[in-house]
Protein backbone atom coordinates (compact mmCIF):
# COMPACT_ATOMS: atom_id res chain seq x y z
CA UNK A 1 118.94 90.59 100.18
CA UNK A 2 117.90 89.17 103.50
CA UNK A 3 115.54 91.15 105.67
CA UNK A 4 116.50 91.37 109.34
CA UNK A 5 114.67 93.28 112.05
CA UNK A 6 117.07 95.64 113.78
CA UNK A 7 117.72 95.61 117.51
CA UNK A 8 115.84 98.83 118.25
CA UNK A 9 112.66 97.47 116.68
CA UNK A 10 112.91 94.35 118.81
CA UNK A 11 113.52 96.40 121.96
CA UNK A 12 110.52 98.61 121.29
CA UNK A 13 108.36 95.57 120.59
CA UNK A 14 109.36 94.17 123.96
CA UNK A 15 107.96 97.23 125.74
CA UNK A 16 104.96 97.64 123.41
CA UNK A 17 103.62 94.25 122.22
CA UNK A 18 102.82 94.41 118.53
CA UNK A 19 100.41 92.42 116.43
CA UNK A 20 101.67 90.36 113.52
CA UNK A 21 100.31 92.99 111.13
CA UNK A 22 102.30 95.72 112.89
CA UNK A 23 105.46 93.60 112.79
CA UNK A 24 104.92 93.11 109.05
CA UNK A 25 104.76 96.87 108.63
CA UNK A 26 108.00 97.28 110.56
CA UNK A 27 109.67 94.67 108.38
CA UNK A 28 108.36 96.31 105.23
CA UNK A 29 109.74 99.67 106.34
CA UNK A 30 113.19 98.20 106.88
CA UNK A 31 113.14 96.26 103.60
CA UNK A 32 112.32 99.50 101.82
CA UNK A 33 115.32 101.22 103.40
CA UNK A 34 117.67 98.35 102.61
CA UNK A 35 116.57 97.46 99.09
CA UNK A 36 115.76 100.74 97.40
CA UNK A 37 118.48 101.71 95.00
CA UNK A 38 118.88 105.00 93.14
CA UNK A 39 115.98 103.88 91.08
CA UNK A 40 113.86 104.09 94.20
CA UNK A 41 114.41 106.91 96.61
CA UNK A 42 113.42 106.04 100.15
CA UNK A 43 110.80 107.82 102.17
CA UNK A 44 112.07 110.90 103.89
CA UNK A 45 110.25 110.38 107.15
CA UNK A 46 112.03 107.83 109.33
CA UNK A 47 109.14 107.56 111.77
CA UNK A 48 106.71 104.75 111.17
CA UNK A 49 103.14 105.36 112.31
CA UNK A 50 101.55 102.18 113.58
CA UNK A 51 97.81 101.41 113.56
CA UNK A 52 97.85 101.86 117.35
CA UNK A 53 99.01 105.46 116.75
CA UNK A 54 102.34 104.66 118.44
CA UNK A 55 105.53 105.77 116.71
CA UNK A 56 108.72 103.82 116.30
CA UNK A 57 111.55 106.32 115.83
CA UNK A 58 115.08 105.65 114.68
CA UNK A 59 117.35 104.96 117.61
CA UNK A 60 120.69 106.68 117.05
CA UNK A 61 122.49 103.93 118.93
CA UNK A 62 121.12 101.16 116.73
CA UNK A 63 122.71 99.74 113.60
CA UNK A 64 125.26 97.07 112.78
CA UNK A 65 126.47 98.03 109.28
CA UNK A 66 130.19 98.24 108.65
CA UNK A 67 131.93 100.97 106.65
CA UNK A 68 132.06 98.67 103.63
CA UNK A 69 128.38 97.81 103.78
CA UNK A 70 127.38 101.46 104.17
CA UNK A 71 129.59 102.42 101.23
CA UNK A 72 128.11 99.60 99.14
CA UNK A 73 124.57 100.81 99.91
CA UNK A 74 125.49 104.36 98.84
CA UNK A 75 127.14 103.16 95.62
CA UNK A 76 124.17 100.93 94.82
CA UNK A 77 121.87 103.92 95.35
CA UNK A 78 123.85 106.12 92.95
CA UNK A 79 124.28 103.51 90.22
CA UNK A 80 120.69 103.54 89.01
CA UNK A 81 119.10 104.22 85.66
CA UNK A 82 120.79 107.64 85.57
CA UNK A 83 123.93 105.64 84.81
CA UNK A 84 122.58 105.03 81.29
CA UNK A 85 122.58 108.79 80.54
CA UNK A 86 126.15 109.44 81.72
CA UNK A 87 127.78 108.99 78.25
CA UNK A 88 125.26 111.44 76.79
CA UNK A 89 126.26 113.98 79.45
CA UNK A 90 129.84 113.71 78.21
CA UNK A 91 128.72 114.11 74.61
CA UNK A 92 126.70 117.26 75.35
CA UNK A 93 129.06 118.85 77.89
CA UNK A 94 132.36 117.96 76.24
CA UNK A 95 135.54 118.93 78.05
CA UNK A 96 133.57 120.94 80.64
CA UNK A 97 131.60 117.79 81.47
CA UNK A 98 134.87 116.01 82.22
CA UNK A 99 135.68 118.73 84.74
CA UNK A 100 132.19 118.47 86.25
CA UNK A 101 132.67 114.71 86.61
CA UNK A 102 135.20 115.60 89.31
CA UNK A 103 133.69 118.79 90.80
CA UNK A 104 130.11 117.56 91.29
CA UNK A 105 131.01 114.41 93.26
CA UNK A 106 133.24 116.51 95.53
CA UNK A 107 130.39 118.95 96.17
CA UNK A 108 127.96 116.08 96.71
CA UNK A 109 130.36 114.49 99.19
CA UNK A 110 130.64 117.79 101.03
CA UNK A 111 126.85 118.16 101.11
CA UNK A 112 126.64 114.68 102.60
CA UNK A 113 128.98 115.62 105.44
CA UNK A 114 127.02 118.84 106.07
CA UNK A 115 123.71 116.99 106.11
CA UNK A 116 125.05 114.41 108.55
CA UNK A 117 126.36 117.17 110.79
CA UNK A 118 122.89 118.72 110.94
CA UNK A 119 121.48 115.50 112.41
CA UNK A 120 123.49 116.15 115.58
CA UNK A 121 123.68 118.80 118.25
CA UNK A 122 126.72 119.50 120.44
CA UNK A 123 126.83 120.31 124.13
CA UNK A 124 129.21 122.79 125.73
CA UNK A 125 131.90 120.11 126.01
CA UNK A 126 131.71 119.38 122.30
CA UNK A 127 130.02 115.98 122.70
CA UNK A 128 127.61 115.12 119.91
CA UNK A 129 124.17 113.63 120.39
CA UNK A 130 121.64 112.80 117.71
CA UNK A 131 118.77 115.29 117.74
CA UNK A 132 117.14 114.57 114.35
CA UNK A 133 116.44 111.33 112.52
CA UNK A 134 115.14 112.25 109.07
CA UNK A 135 114.04 114.90 106.62
CA UNK A 136 110.83 115.75 108.40
CA UNK A 137 112.83 116.70 111.49
CA UNK A 138 115.34 118.65 109.38
CA UNK A 139 112.61 120.46 107.45
CA UNK A 140 110.83 121.45 110.65
CA UNK A 141 114.01 123.19 111.81
CA UNK A 142 113.73 125.70 108.96
CA UNK A 143 109.95 126.01 108.99
CA UNK A 144 108.23 124.52 112.06
CA UNK A 145 105.13 122.39 111.38
CA UNK A 146 105.29 122.84 107.61
CA UNK A 147 108.96 122.51 106.64
CA UNK A 148 109.04 118.75 107.09
CA UNK A 149 106.02 118.30 104.85
CA UNK A 150 107.49 120.56 102.17
CA UNK A 151 110.78 118.65 102.10
CA UNK A 152 108.94 115.32 102.13
CA UNK A 153 106.72 116.55 99.29
CA UNK A 154 109.73 117.42 97.15
CA UNK A 155 111.22 113.99 97.76
CA UNK A 156 107.93 112.26 96.93
CA UNK A 157 107.69 114.26 93.69
CA UNK A 158 111.22 113.12 92.92
CA UNK A 159 110.16 109.51 93.52
CA UNK A 160 107.04 109.88 91.38
CA UNK A 161 109.01 111.27 88.43
CA UNK A 162 111.52 108.48 88.85
CA UNK A 163 108.68 105.98 88.44
CA UNK A 164 107.55 107.91 85.35
CA UNK A 165 111.06 107.55 83.91
CA UNK A 166 110.74 103.75 84.14
CA UNK A 167 107.66 103.83 81.92
CA UNK A 168 109.42 106.15 79.47
CA UNK A 169 112.48 103.89 79.36
CA UNK A 170 110.27 100.90 78.65
CA UNK A 171 108.62 102.71 75.73
CA UNK A 172 111.92 103.98 74.34
CA UNK A 173 113.72 100.63 74.54
CA UNK A 174 110.82 98.61 73.11
CA UNK A 175 110.37 101.07 70.25
CA UNK A 176 114.05 100.71 69.33
CA UNK A 177 113.98 96.93 69.75
CA UNK A 178 110.94 96.43 67.53
CA UNK A 179 110.83 99.36 65.06
CA UNK A 180 108.89 97.36 62.47
CA UNK A 181 105.87 96.92 64.74
CA UNK A 182 103.08 99.51 64.22
CA UNK A 183 103.31 100.57 67.86
CA UNK A 184 104.44 104.06 68.78
CA UNK A 185 106.50 104.92 71.85
CA UNK A 186 103.43 106.36 73.56
CA UNK A 187 101.54 103.12 72.89
CA UNK A 188 104.37 101.15 74.49
CA UNK A 189 104.11 103.41 77.54
CA UNK A 190 100.38 102.66 77.76
CA UNK A 191 101.18 98.95 77.55
CA UNK A 192 103.74 99.41 80.33
CA UNK A 193 101.05 101.00 82.50
CA UNK A 194 98.88 97.92 82.11
CA UNK A 195 101.80 95.60 82.89
CA UNK A 196 102.89 97.40 86.07
CA UNK A 197 99.36 97.61 87.50
CA UNK A 198 99.30 94.06 88.95
CA UNK A 199 102.71 94.54 90.63
CA UNK A 200 101.53 97.49 92.73
CA UNK A 201 98.89 95.30 94.41
CA UNK A 202 101.42 92.93 95.95
CA UNK A 203 100.87 93.10 99.71
CA UNK A 204 104.36 92.17 100.84
CA UNK A 205 107.11 94.66 100.13
CA UNK A 206 109.62 91.81 100.26
CA UNK A 207 107.89 90.27 97.21
CA UNK A 208 108.11 93.61 95.38
CA UNK A 209 111.75 93.95 96.33
CA UNK A 210 112.65 90.53 94.98
CA UNK A 211 110.87 91.31 91.73
CA UNK A 212 112.96 94.45 91.34
CA UNK A 213 116.21 92.66 92.25
CA UNK A 214 116.67 92.04 88.51
CA UNK A 215 117.55 95.74 88.15
CA UNK A 216 121.16 95.08 89.13
CA UNK A 217 121.49 92.21 86.65
CA UNK A 218 119.81 94.22 83.89
CA UNK A 219 122.10 97.21 84.41
CA UNK A 220 125.18 94.96 84.43
CA UNK A 221 123.98 93.33 81.22
CA UNK A 222 123.72 96.72 79.48
CA UNK A 223 127.16 97.82 80.73
CA UNK A 224 128.78 94.53 79.62
CA UNK A 225 127.14 94.78 76.20
CA UNK A 226 128.32 98.37 75.72
CA UNK A 227 131.87 97.55 76.83
CA UNK A 228 131.96 94.45 74.65
CA UNK A 229 130.79 96.41 71.61
CA UNK A 230 133.24 99.27 72.28
CA UNK A 231 136.17 96.89 72.73
CA UNK A 232 135.48 95.41 69.31
CA UNK A 233 135.39 98.86 67.66
CA UNK A 234 138.33 100.69 69.25
CA UNK A 235 139.61 101.52 65.77
CA UNK A 236 136.66 103.91 65.36
CA UNK A 237 137.38 105.95 68.49
CA UNK A 238 137.78 109.64 67.71
CA UNK A 239 138.61 112.22 70.38
CA UNK A 240 137.92 115.06 67.95
CA UNK A 241 134.17 114.57 68.49
CA UNK A 242 134.55 115.81 72.08
CA UNK A 243 133.12 119.33 72.28
CA UNK A 244 135.09 122.21 73.75
CA UNK A 245 132.10 124.34 74.75
CA UNK A 246 128.37 124.43 74.17
CA UNK A 247 126.35 126.45 76.67
CA UNK A 248 123.09 124.55 76.38
CA UNK A 249 124.93 121.23 76.32
CA UNK A 250 126.90 122.10 79.46
CA UNK A 251 123.73 122.99 81.38
CA UNK A 252 122.03 119.78 80.22
CA UNK A 253 125.11 117.80 81.18
CA UNK A 254 125.10 119.45 84.61
CA UNK A 255 121.48 118.40 85.19
CA UNK A 256 122.25 114.78 84.26
CA UNK A 257 125.27 114.65 86.56
CA UNK A 258 123.33 116.18 89.46
CA UNK A 259 120.71 113.48 88.97
CA UNK A 260 123.29 110.70 88.74
CA UNK A 261 125.50 111.60 91.71
CA UNK A 262 122.87 112.48 94.29
CA UNK A 263 122.66 110.38 97.43
CA UNK A 264 121.13 112.84 99.90
CA UNK A 265 117.78 111.05 100.16
CA UNK A 266 119.25 107.99 101.88
CA UNK A 267 122.10 109.59 103.85
CA UNK A 268 120.17 109.73 107.17
CA UNK A 269 119.09 106.08 106.79
CA UNK A 270 122.54 104.78 105.87
CA UNK A 271 124.26 106.82 108.59
CA UNK A 272 121.76 105.57 111.15
CA UNK A 273 122.36 101.95 110.10
CA UNK A 274 126.08 102.05 110.93
CA UNK A 275 127.51 100.45 114.05
CA UNK A 276 130.16 103.18 114.30
CA UNK A 277 128.54 106.37 113.05
CA UNK A 278 131.79 108.31 113.44
CA UNK A 279 133.05 106.39 110.40
CA UNK A 280 130.23 107.49 108.12
CA UNK A 281 132.51 110.11 106.56
CA UNK A 282 134.87 107.32 105.50
CA UNK A 283 132.01 105.33 103.98
CA UNK A 284 130.75 108.41 102.13
CA UNK A 285 134.22 109.17 100.75
CA UNK A 286 134.74 105.59 99.63
CA UNK A 287 131.33 105.51 97.96
CA UNK A 288 131.95 108.65 95.92
CA UNK A 289 135.45 107.55 94.89
CA UNK A 290 134.09 104.24 93.60
CA UNK A 291 131.02 105.76 91.96
CA UNK A 292 133.00 108.52 90.26
CA UNK A 293 135.58 106.06 88.94
CA UNK A 294 132.86 103.83 87.51
CA UNK A 295 130.92 106.68 85.92
CA UNK A 296 133.96 108.39 84.36
CA UNK A 297 135.29 105.10 82.96
CA UNK A 298 131.94 104.07 81.50
CA UNK A 299 131.17 107.53 80.11
CA UNK A 300 134.51 107.87 78.32
CA UNK A 301 134.44 104.31 76.99
CA UNK A 302 130.85 104.55 75.75
CA UNK A 303 131.25 108.02 74.23
CA UNK A 304 134.41 107.05 72.35
CA UNK A 305 132.59 103.97 71.06
CA UNK A 306 129.56 105.84 69.70
CA UNK A 307 130.69 109.46 69.28
CA UNK A 308 127.98 111.62 67.73
CA UNK A 309 125.59 108.64 67.83
CA UNK A 310 125.51 108.59 71.65
CA UNK A 311 121.84 108.69 72.71
CA UNK A 312 120.37 109.73 76.10
CA UNK A 313 119.67 106.04 76.76
CA UNK A 314 122.97 104.43 75.80
CA UNK A 315 121.28 101.11 75.04
CA UNK A 316 119.60 102.73 72.04
CA UNK A 317 123.00 103.62 70.59
CA UNK A 318 123.85 99.97 69.98
CA UNK A 319 123.26 98.41 66.55
CA UNK A 320 120.10 96.37 66.10
CA UNK A 321 120.31 92.60 66.17
CA UNK A 322 119.44 89.55 68.26
CA UNK A 323 121.78 90.51 71.12
CA UNK A 324 120.39 94.05 71.24
CA UNK A 325 116.82 92.74 71.28
CA UNK A 326 117.64 90.26 74.05
CA UNK A 327 119.42 92.77 76.30
CA UNK A 328 116.87 95.49 75.53
CA UNK A 329 113.90 93.24 76.25
CA UNK A 330 115.46 92.10 79.52
CA UNK A 331 116.06 95.69 80.54
CA UNK A 332 112.47 96.62 79.60
CA UNK A 333 111.22 93.73 81.74
CA UNK A 334 113.29 95.09 84.61
CA UNK A 335 111.55 98.47 84.24
CA UNK A 336 108.21 96.74 84.72
CA UNK A 337 109.31 94.66 87.70
CA UNK A 338 111.07 97.56 89.45
CA UNK A 339 108.19 100.03 89.13
CA UNK A 340 106.37 98.71 92.21
CA UNK A 341 109.32 99.27 94.54
CA UNK A 342 110.06 102.69 93.06
CA UNK A 343 106.54 103.99 93.57
CA UNK A 344 105.94 102.29 96.95
CA UNK A 345 106.93 105.35 99.09
CA UNK A 346 104.32 107.44 97.25
CA UNK A 347 101.62 104.88 98.05
CA UNK A 348 102.63 104.88 101.70
CA UNK A 349 102.76 108.67 101.99
CA UNK A 350 99.23 108.94 100.54
CA UNK A 351 97.67 105.92 102.21
CA UNK A 352 98.32 106.79 105.84
CA UNK A 353 96.93 110.34 105.92
CA UNK A 354 93.98 109.47 103.69
CA UNK A 355 92.92 106.43 105.70
CA UNK A 356 93.30 108.45 108.89
CA UNK A 357 91.06 111.24 107.60
CA UNK A 358 88.48 108.99 106.00
CA UNK A 359 86.89 107.68 109.19
CA UNK A 360 84.11 105.83 107.42
CA UNK A 361 83.55 102.13 108.13
CA UNK A 362 81.47 101.87 104.95
CA UNK A 363 84.63 102.22 102.86
CA UNK A 364 86.90 99.19 103.38
CA UNK A 365 90.61 99.88 103.70
CA UNK A 366 91.44 97.72 100.67
CA UNK A 367 89.15 99.88 98.51
CA UNK A 368 90.97 103.05 99.55
CA UNK A 369 94.31 101.35 98.94
CA UNK A 370 93.22 100.16 95.49
CA UNK A 371 91.94 103.59 94.46
CA UNK A 372 95.20 105.22 95.55
CA UNK A 373 97.32 102.71 93.63
CA UNK A 374 95.29 102.84 90.43
CA UNK A 375 95.16 106.65 90.53
CA UNK A 376 98.92 107.02 91.00
CA UNK A 377 99.68 104.51 88.22
CA UNK A 378 97.27 106.24 85.82
CA UNK A 379 98.79 109.65 86.64
CA UNK A 380 102.30 108.34 86.03
CA UNK A 381 101.24 106.87 82.69
CA UNK A 382 99.60 110.16 81.68
CA UNK A 383 102.72 112.15 82.56
CA UNK A 384 104.91 109.65 80.68
CA UNK A 385 102.71 109.87 77.59
CA UNK A 386 102.65 113.67 77.70
CA UNK A 387 106.45 113.81 78.17
CA UNK A 388 107.80 110.63 76.56
CA UNK A 389 111.42 111.71 76.85
CA UNK A 390 113.82 110.28 79.42
CA UNK A 391 116.16 113.25 79.05
CA UNK A 392 113.43 115.76 80.01
CA UNK A 393 112.64 113.88 83.23
CA UNK A 394 116.31 113.52 84.16
CA UNK A 395 117.10 117.18 83.48
CA UNK A 396 114.02 118.35 85.41
CA UNK A 397 114.86 116.23 88.45
CA UNK A 398 118.53 117.20 88.30
CA UNK A 399 118.13 120.95 87.88
CA UNK A 400 114.73 121.81 89.36
CA UNK A 401 114.43 119.32 92.25
CA UNK A 402 117.99 118.32 93.14
CA UNK A 403 119.44 121.85 93.09
CA UNK A 404 117.31 123.35 95.89
CA UNK A 405 116.94 120.12 97.86
CA UNK A 406 120.55 119.00 97.64
CA UNK A 407 122.63 122.19 97.46
CA UNK A 408 120.59 124.96 99.04
CA UNK A 409 118.53 123.24 101.77
CA UNK A 410 121.41 121.55 103.70
CA UNK A 411 123.57 124.69 103.73
CA UNK A 412 120.78 127.01 104.92
CA UNK A 413 119.94 124.41 107.54
CA UNK A 414 123.55 124.37 108.71
CA UNK A 415 123.65 128.15 108.89
CA UNK A 416 120.57 128.18 111.11
CA UNK A 417 121.81 125.43 113.42
CA UNK A 418 125.53 126.06 113.65
CA UNK A 419 126.41 129.44 112.15
CA UNK A 420 128.07 130.74 115.33
CA UNK A 421 130.39 127.73 115.42
CA UNK A 422 131.44 127.88 111.76
CA UNK A 423 134.85 129.17 110.76
CA UNK A 424 135.26 131.77 108.04
CA UNK A 425 136.48 129.25 105.45
CA UNK A 426 133.45 127.04 106.14
CA UNK A 427 131.10 129.98 105.61
CA UNK A 428 132.86 130.80 102.33
CA UNK A 429 132.66 127.21 101.06
CA UNK A 430 129.02 126.91 102.10
CA UNK A 431 128.19 130.19 100.37
CA UNK A 432 129.88 128.95 97.19
CA UNK A 433 127.79 125.75 97.26
CA UNK A 434 124.56 127.74 97.66
CA UNK A 435 125.52 130.04 94.78
CA UNK A 436 126.38 127.00 92.66
CA UNK A 437 122.98 125.48 93.44
CA UNK A 438 121.15 128.70 92.57
CA UNK A 439 123.02 129.00 89.27
CA UNK A 440 122.27 125.35 88.42
CA UNK A 441 118.59 125.99 89.17
CA UNK A 442 118.36 129.23 87.15
CA UNK A 443 120.18 127.75 84.16
CA UNK A 444 118.50 124.36 84.34
CA UNK A 445 114.89 125.53 84.34
CA UNK A 446 114.93 127.23 80.90
CA UNK A 447 116.91 124.36 79.37
CA UNK A 448 114.40 121.85 80.77
CA UNK A 449 111.53 123.92 79.37
CA UNK A 450 113.22 124.19 75.97
CA UNK A 451 113.87 120.45 75.89
CA UNK A 452 110.23 119.82 76.76
CA UNK A 453 109.01 122.15 73.99
CA UNK A 454 111.28 120.43 71.47
CA UNK A 455 109.79 117.10 72.44
CA UNK A 456 106.22 118.37 72.01
CA UNK A 457 107.08 119.77 68.58
CA UNK A 458 108.31 116.38 67.35
């Protein structure tokens, strides 16, 4: 993907001359917004703090993306590594999961429209003007001074756990690819930690982004392999293996689908990048139609191909052999190369406040940066070793983090900003969404804990 400085950055630079280092930071910030997929949630704060303590804020009039490009960015964001767990969600949730494959995208689409609406205020004539640019602004509406930091903290935790899931995937795939080697899954995770360490020291985000560009190719390779295998074994398809009801399985399936269909973290960025922001609703609708069609098709095809042998990481369901080893190794390599881009927002969120507070010339900036990077990588490796189960991470993010952040937060925000203007049917729908989010949270937490305990007992 080509990096291009947007018009509002150029205009601001014209009024406030920037150094080459500052321009690099601006370019990095835009690359991060454009290149992060669902494997790498973008930073929630759209304001970039420059070394001169000036701020470059998103200009609501800027942006040149078309409806198609905005929809493509949203689809690319949603089709991340969570895609690999979609068939398992169908296996665990059965017929109810098929229903949720339709309901959850509709709710997510609705949440996206609500969130976008909260970015704007209306005057007495009904004209809209953009009053908020990102999650820090939105969080401060609910809780001034602290709300933005709380929301940003939740998103950064989400990003950190996503990076942890890459290490876990590497260990799981390599263990299945080379079962004869005397290396446990936890050992593979430790090896992954050593391999990703050099990538987090790359200074240019564009270099990191190009390293992680293999993620799309790797995911396509897995999908093609699964489809190819399933097409050759259609005679073994058996619909009778589809469950009618299993309470724990339904809740687990719900968590996976919440994780896989979320797009709320990049909605402000994508909406702000559009030339005609009034058409964002069309882009959002198109994105969810495409994403839902892809996920349902792949889930049904993969589940019918493997039945009871459908694993949380669908790649591990395939029979061993040279092709499996090749595709698996390529996907594992992608996990290593993508880690740096995934974890980059966490580095940035820690680096700026720490370097601002540590006003000590005796500690060079590169030392602080190195300590932050090594510490975060070590912590992610420790968490991955303690919880070496991709399903646990996915279910925790889906039920514990996505439920309050995606379902509850936008609706409460809308109530505070626009309650007097809402019609009765809007209040009813919003209330239903909040109740749904609370139920998903209350049911998901114990299931996540139980899944974690089962892993530790193994």
